[in-house]
Amino acid sequence: MKIENSVKSTGGLPSSDGRTRATKDTTRTPPSGSDTDKVEISSLSSRLQQMEETVAGTPVVDSAKVDEIKQAMSQGRFKVDTGKVADGLIESVRQMLATQTGRA
């Protein structure tokens, strides 16, 4: 049995493999120097952009403070306020419980 590797005509039907083709965008751009398109940034947006740049440049960790605490710990001068730690833990648990009961 011989298998031919040829494509048969479909008799006037458009050839399509089921995929759509992207059409070329034919929108026209206005001539240069035209005042039809303008972009203005509000002062709030400009300020927000400045703040984002400032935050991006700020280190996440205060290295001087970390070094100070390390030195105090190594010298035995670092004191832990257990009351503050306990209060902070209790408050964080209260917040977690409040968000869980809010979801239920």
N, C-alpha and C. Protein backbone atom coordinates (compact mmCIF):
# COMPACT_ATOMS: atom_id res chain seq x y z
N MET A 1 0.85 -1.17 0.00
CA MET A 1 0.00 0.00 0.00
C MET A 1 0.89 1.23 0.00
N LYS A 2 0.58 2.18 -0.87
CA LYS A 2 1.38 3.39 -1.01
C LYS A 2 0.64 4.56 -0.36
N ILE A 3 1.34 5.31 0.51
CA ILE A 3 0.76 6.49 1.15
C ILE A 3 1.35 7.72 0.49
N GLU A 4 0.48 8.55 -0.05
CA GLU A 4 0.95 9.76 -0.72
C GLU A 4 1.01 10.91 0.27
N ASN A 5 1.98 11.76 0.12
CA ASN A 5 2.17 12.92 0.98
C ASN A 5 1.75 14.17 0.23
N SER A 6 0.49 14.25 -0.12
CA SER A 6 0.01 15.41 -0.86
C SER A 6 -1.25 15.94 -0.20
N VAL A 7 -1.53 17.21 -0.41
CA VAL A 7 -2.70 17.86 0.17
C VAL A 7 -3.75 17.96 -0.92
N LYS A 8 -4.96 17.55 -0.62
CA LYS A 8 -6.04 17.61 -1.59
C LYS A 8 -6.77 18.93 -1.47
N SER A 9 -7.31 19.42 -2.54
CA SER A 9 -8.05 20.65 -2.57
C SER A 9 -9.39 20.44 -1.88
N THR A 10 -9.89 21.48 -1.21
CA THR A 10 -11.17 21.37 -0.51
C THR A 10 -12.31 21.94 -1.32
N GLY A 11 -12.08 22.20 -2.56
CA GLY A 11 -13.16 22.62 -3.43
C GLY A 11 -13.71 23.99 -3.13
N GLY A 12 -12.90 25.01 -3.04
CA GLY A 12 -13.36 26.38 -2.89
C GLY A 12 -13.55 26.84 -1.46
N LEU A 13 -13.34 25.97 -0.47
CA LEU A 13 -13.46 26.37 0.92
C LEU A 13 -12.19 27.11 1.35
N PRO A 14 -12.34 28.12 2.19
CA PRO A 14 -11.13 28.83 2.65
C PRO A 14 -10.30 27.91 3.52
N SER A 15 -9.00 27.99 3.32
CA SER A 15 -8.12 27.15 4.14
C SER A 15 -7.93 27.80 5.50
N SER A 16 -8.20 27.03 6.55
CA SER A 16 -8.08 27.52 7.92
C SER A 16 -7.78 26.34 8.81
N ASP A 17 -6.86 26.52 9.72
CA ASP A 17 -6.55 25.45 10.65
C ASP A 17 -7.20 25.68 12.01
N GLY A 18 -8.19 26.57 12.05
CA GLY A 18 -8.89 26.83 13.31
C GLY A 18 -8.30 27.98 14.11
N ARG A 19 -7.15 28.43 13.70
CA ARG A 19 -6.52 29.53 14.43
C ARG A 19 -6.92 30.85 13.79
N THR A 20 -7.04 31.87 14.62
CA THR A 20 -7.33 33.20 14.08
C THR A 20 -6.03 33.94 13.91
N ARG A 21 -5.99 34.77 12.92
CA ARG A 21 -4.79 35.56 12.67
C ARG A 21 -4.95 36.95 13.24
N ALA A 22 -3.87 37.47 13.74
CA ALA A 22 -3.91 38.82 14.28
C ALA A 22 -3.98 39.80 13.11
N THR A 23 -4.87 40.76 13.24
CA THR A 23 -4.97 41.76 12.18
C THR A 23 -4.10 42.95 12.54
N LYS A 24 -3.64 43.61 11.52
CA LYS A 24 -2.76 44.75 11.71
C LYS A 24 -3.57 45.93 12.20
N ASP A 25 -3.08 46.61 13.22
CA ASP A 25 -3.77 47.77 13.76
C ASP A 25 -3.62 48.92 12.78
N THR A 26 -4.75 49.43 12.30
CA THR A 26 -4.69 50.47 11.27
C THR A 26 -5.11 51.82 11.80
N THR A 27 -5.06 52.01 13.14
CA THR A 27 -5.42 53.32 13.67
C THR A 27 -4.34 54.31 13.30
N ARG A 28 -4.78 55.50 13.04
CA ARG A 28 -3.84 56.54 12.62
C ARG A 28 -3.45 57.40 13.81
N THR A 29 -2.21 57.80 13.82
CA THR A 29 -1.73 58.68 14.87
C THR A 29 -1.80 60.11 14.36
N PRO A 30 -2.14 61.05 15.23
CA PRO A 30 -2.22 62.44 14.78
C PRO A 30 -0.83 62.94 14.42
N PRO A 31 -0.77 63.92 13.55
CA PRO A 31 0.54 64.46 13.17
C PRO A 31 1.26 65.05 14.38
N SER A 32 2.58 65.04 14.35
CA SER A 32 3.35 65.56 15.47
C SER A 32 3.06 67.04 15.64
N GLY A 33 3.10 67.48 16.90
CA GLY A 33 2.80 68.87 17.19
C GLY A 33 1.32 69.08 17.45
N SER A 34 0.55 68.03 17.37
CA SER A 34 -0.89 68.12 17.58
C SER A 34 -1.19 68.16 19.07
N ASP A 35 -2.20 68.91 19.47
CA ASP A 35 -2.58 69.02 20.88
C ASP A 35 -3.73 68.08 21.22
N THR A 36 -3.95 67.05 20.42
CA THR A 36 -5.08 66.16 20.69
C THR A 36 -4.81 65.23 21.85
N ASP A 37 -3.58 64.84 22.10
CA ASP A 37 -3.25 63.94 23.20
C ASP A 37 -2.32 64.64 24.17
N LYS A 38 -2.73 64.67 25.45
CA LYS A 38 -1.91 65.28 26.49
C LYS A 38 -1.92 64.38 27.70
N VAL A 39 -0.81 64.31 28.37
CA VAL A 39 -0.71 63.58 29.62
C VAL A 39 -0.24 64.55 30.68
N GLU A 40 -1.02 64.66 31.74
CA GLU A 40 -0.63 65.53 32.85
C GLU A 40 -0.62 64.70 34.12
N ILE A 41 0.43 64.85 34.89
CA ILE A 41 0.55 64.14 36.15
C ILE A 41 0.18 65.10 37.26
N SER A 42 -0.75 64.68 38.09
CA SER A 42 -1.18 65.55 39.19
C SER A 42 -0.06 65.68 40.21
N SER A 43 -0.16 66.68 41.05
CA SER A 43 0.87 66.88 42.08
C SER A 43 0.87 65.72 43.06
N LEU A 44 -0.30 65.13 43.31
CA LEU A 44 -0.37 63.98 44.21
C LEU A 44 0.36 62.79 43.62
N SER A 45 0.17 62.56 42.33
CA SER A 45 0.85 61.45 41.66
C SER A 45 2.36 61.68 41.66
N SER A 46 2.75 62.90 41.41
CA SER A 46 4.18 63.23 41.42
C SER A 46 4.78 63.02 42.80
N ARG A 47 4.06 63.42 43.83
CA ARG A 47 4.52 63.25 45.22
C ARG A 47 4.61 61.76 45.56
N LEU A 48 3.63 60.98 45.11
CA LEU A 48 3.64 59.54 45.35
C LEU A 48 4.87 58.90 44.71
N GLN A 49 5.19 59.33 43.50
CA GLN A 49 6.37 58.79 42.83
C GLN A 49 7.64 59.14 43.60
N GLN A 50 7.74 60.34 44.13
CA GLN A 50 8.90 60.73 44.93
C GLN A 50 8.99 59.87 46.20
N MET A 51 7.85 59.63 46.83
CA MET A 51 7.84 58.83 48.05
C MET A 51 8.26 57.39 47.76
N GLU A 52 7.80 56.84 46.64
CA GLU A 52 8.19 55.48 46.27
C GLU A 52 9.70 55.38 46.06
N GLU A 53 10.28 56.38 45.43
CA GLU A 53 11.73 56.40 45.21
C GLU A 53 12.48 56.49 46.54
N THR A 54 11.95 57.28 47.48
CA THR A 54 12.58 57.41 48.79
C THR A 54 12.53 56.10 49.54
N VAL A 55 11.38 55.43 49.53
CA VAL A 55 11.22 54.15 50.22
C VAL A 55 12.13 53.10 49.59
N ALA A 56 12.23 53.11 48.27
CA ALA A 56 13.07 52.12 47.59
C ALA A 56 14.54 52.30 47.97
N GLY A 57 14.94 53.52 48.28
CA GLY A 57 16.33 53.79 48.64
C GLY A 57 16.64 53.62 50.11
N THR A 58 15.61 53.38 50.92
CA THR A 58 15.79 53.24 52.36
C THR A 58 16.12 51.79 52.70
N PRO A 59 17.18 51.56 53.46
CA PRO A 59 17.51 50.18 53.83
C PRO A 59 16.43 49.58 54.73
N VAL A 60 16.21 48.29 54.60
CA VAL A 60 15.19 47.60 55.37
C VAL A 60 15.62 47.43 56.83
N VAL A 61 16.91 47.28 57.06
CA VAL A 61 17.44 47.04 58.39
C VAL A 61 18.36 48.20 58.78
N ASP A 62 18.21 48.66 60.01
CA ASP A 62 19.08 49.70 60.54
C ASP A 62 20.34 49.01 61.07
N SER A 63 21.38 48.98 60.25
CA SER A 63 22.61 48.26 60.59
C SER A 63 23.25 48.79 61.86
N ALA A 64 23.20 50.10 62.07
CA ALA A 64 23.80 50.68 63.27
C ALA A 64 23.09 50.17 64.53
N LYS A 65 21.75 50.09 64.46
CA LYS A 65 20.99 49.62 65.62
C LYS A 65 21.27 48.14 65.88
N VAL A 66 21.38 47.35 64.82
CA VAL A 66 21.70 45.92 64.97
C VAL A 66 23.06 45.75 65.62
N ASP A 67 24.05 46.51 65.15
CA ASP A 67 25.40 46.43 65.73
C ASP A 67 25.40 46.84 67.21
N GLU A 68 24.62 47.87 67.52
CA GLU A 68 24.53 48.33 68.91
C GLU A 68 23.94 47.25 69.81
N ILE A 69 22.91 46.57 69.34
CA ILE A 69 22.28 45.51 70.14
C ILE A 69 23.23 44.32 70.28
N LYS A 70 23.92 43.97 69.20
CA LYS A 70 24.89 42.86 69.27
C LYS A 70 25.96 43.14 70.32
N GLN A 71 26.47 44.37 70.31
CA GLN A 71 27.52 44.73 71.25
C GLN A 71 26.98 44.69 72.68
N ALA A 72 25.78 45.21 72.89
CA ALA A 72 25.20 45.20 74.23
C ALA A 72 24.97 43.77 74.71
N MET A 73 24.56 42.88 73.81
CA MET A 73 24.35 41.47 74.19
C MET A 73 25.68 40.82 74.56
N SER A 74 26.71 41.07 73.76
CA SER A 74 28.00 40.43 74.03
C SER A 74 28.63 40.95 75.32
N GLN A 75 28.29 42.18 75.69
CA GLN A 75 28.83 42.76 76.92
C GLN A 75 27.93 42.54 78.13
N GLY A 76 26.77 41.91 77.90
CA GLY A 76 25.86 41.64 79.01
C GLY A 76 25.04 42.85 79.43
N ARG A 77 25.01 43.89 78.63
CA ARG A 77 24.26 45.10 78.96
C ARG A 77 22.84 45.09 78.39
N PHE A 78 22.50 44.13 77.59
CA PHE A 78 21.20 44.10 76.94
C PHE A 78 20.17 43.54 77.91
N LYS A 79 19.18 44.34 78.22
CA LYS A 79 18.13 43.93 79.16
C LYS A 79 16.82 43.77 78.39
N VAL A 80 16.14 42.66 78.64
CA VAL A 80 14.85 42.39 78.00
C VAL A 80 13.75 42.75 78.98
N ASP A 81 12.82 43.59 78.54
CA ASP A 81 11.66 43.95 79.36
C ASP A 81 10.59 42.89 79.10
N THR A 82 10.53 41.90 80.01
CA THR A 82 9.63 40.77 79.82
C THR A 82 8.17 41.20 79.80
N GLY A 83 7.84 42.24 80.50
CA GLY A 83 6.47 42.76 80.50
C GLY A 83 6.07 43.27 79.13
N LYS A 84 6.99 43.99 78.47
CA LYS A 84 6.72 44.51 77.13
C LYS A 84 6.57 43.37 76.13
N VAL A 85 7.43 42.36 76.26
CA VAL A 85 7.37 41.22 75.36
C VAL A 85 6.03 40.49 75.53
N ALA A 86 5.63 40.27 76.78
CA ALA A 86 4.37 39.57 77.05
C ALA A 86 3.17 40.38 76.53
N ASP A 87 3.19 41.70 76.76
CA ASP A 87 2.10 42.55 76.27
C ASP A 87 2.02 42.51 74.74
N GLY A 88 3.16 42.52 74.09
CA GLY A 88 3.19 42.47 72.63
C GLY A 88 2.65 41.15 72.09
N LEU A 89 3.01 40.05 72.75
CA LEU A 89 2.51 38.74 72.33
C LEU A 89 0.99 38.64 72.52
N ILE A 90 0.51 39.11 73.64
CA ILE A 90 -0.93 39.07 73.90
C ILE A 90 -1.69 39.92 72.88
N GLU A 91 -1.18 41.09 72.58
CA GLU A 91 -1.83 41.96 71.60
C GLU A 91 -1.85 41.34 70.21
N SER A 92 -0.75 40.70 69.82
CA SER A 92 -0.73 40.07 68.49
C SER A 92 -1.71 38.90 68.42
N VAL A 93 -1.86 38.15 69.51
CA VAL A 93 -2.83 37.05 69.54
C VAL A 93 -4.25 37.61 69.46
N ARG A 94 -4.51 38.72 70.15
CA ARG A 94 -5.84 39.35 70.09
C ARG A 94 -6.16 39.78 68.64
N GLN A 95 -5.20 40.35 67.96
CA GLN A 95 -5.42 40.78 66.58
C GLN A 95 -5.69 39.58 65.67
N MET A 96 -4.92 38.51 65.85
CA MET A 96 -5.14 37.31 65.04
C MET A 96 -6.52 36.73 65.28
N LEU A 97 -6.95 36.67 66.55
CA LEU A 97 -8.26 36.13 66.88
C LEU A 97 -9.37 37.02 66.30
N ALA A 98 -9.17 38.32 66.34
CA ALA A 98 -10.17 39.24 65.80
C ALA A 98 -10.33 39.07 64.30
N THR A 99 -9.23 38.83 63.57
CA THR A 99 -9.34 38.65 62.13
C THR A 99 -9.96 37.30 61.80
N GLN A 100 -9.71 36.28 62.63
CA GLN A 100 -10.30 34.96 62.39
C GLN A 100 -11.79 34.97 62.65
N THR A 101 -12.23 35.62 63.69
CA THR A 101 -13.66 35.67 63.96
C THR A 101 -14.37 36.56 62.95
N GLY A 102 -13.68 37.49 62.37
CA GLY A 102 -14.26 38.34 61.32
C GLY A 102 -14.51 37.57 60.04
N ARG A 103 -13.72 36.55 59.76
CA ARG A 103 -13.86 35.72 58.56
C ARG A 103 -14.98 34.70 58.70
N ALA A 104 -15.21 34.22 59.91
CA ALA A 104 -16.16 33.12 60.12
C ALA A 104 -17.59 33.53 59.95
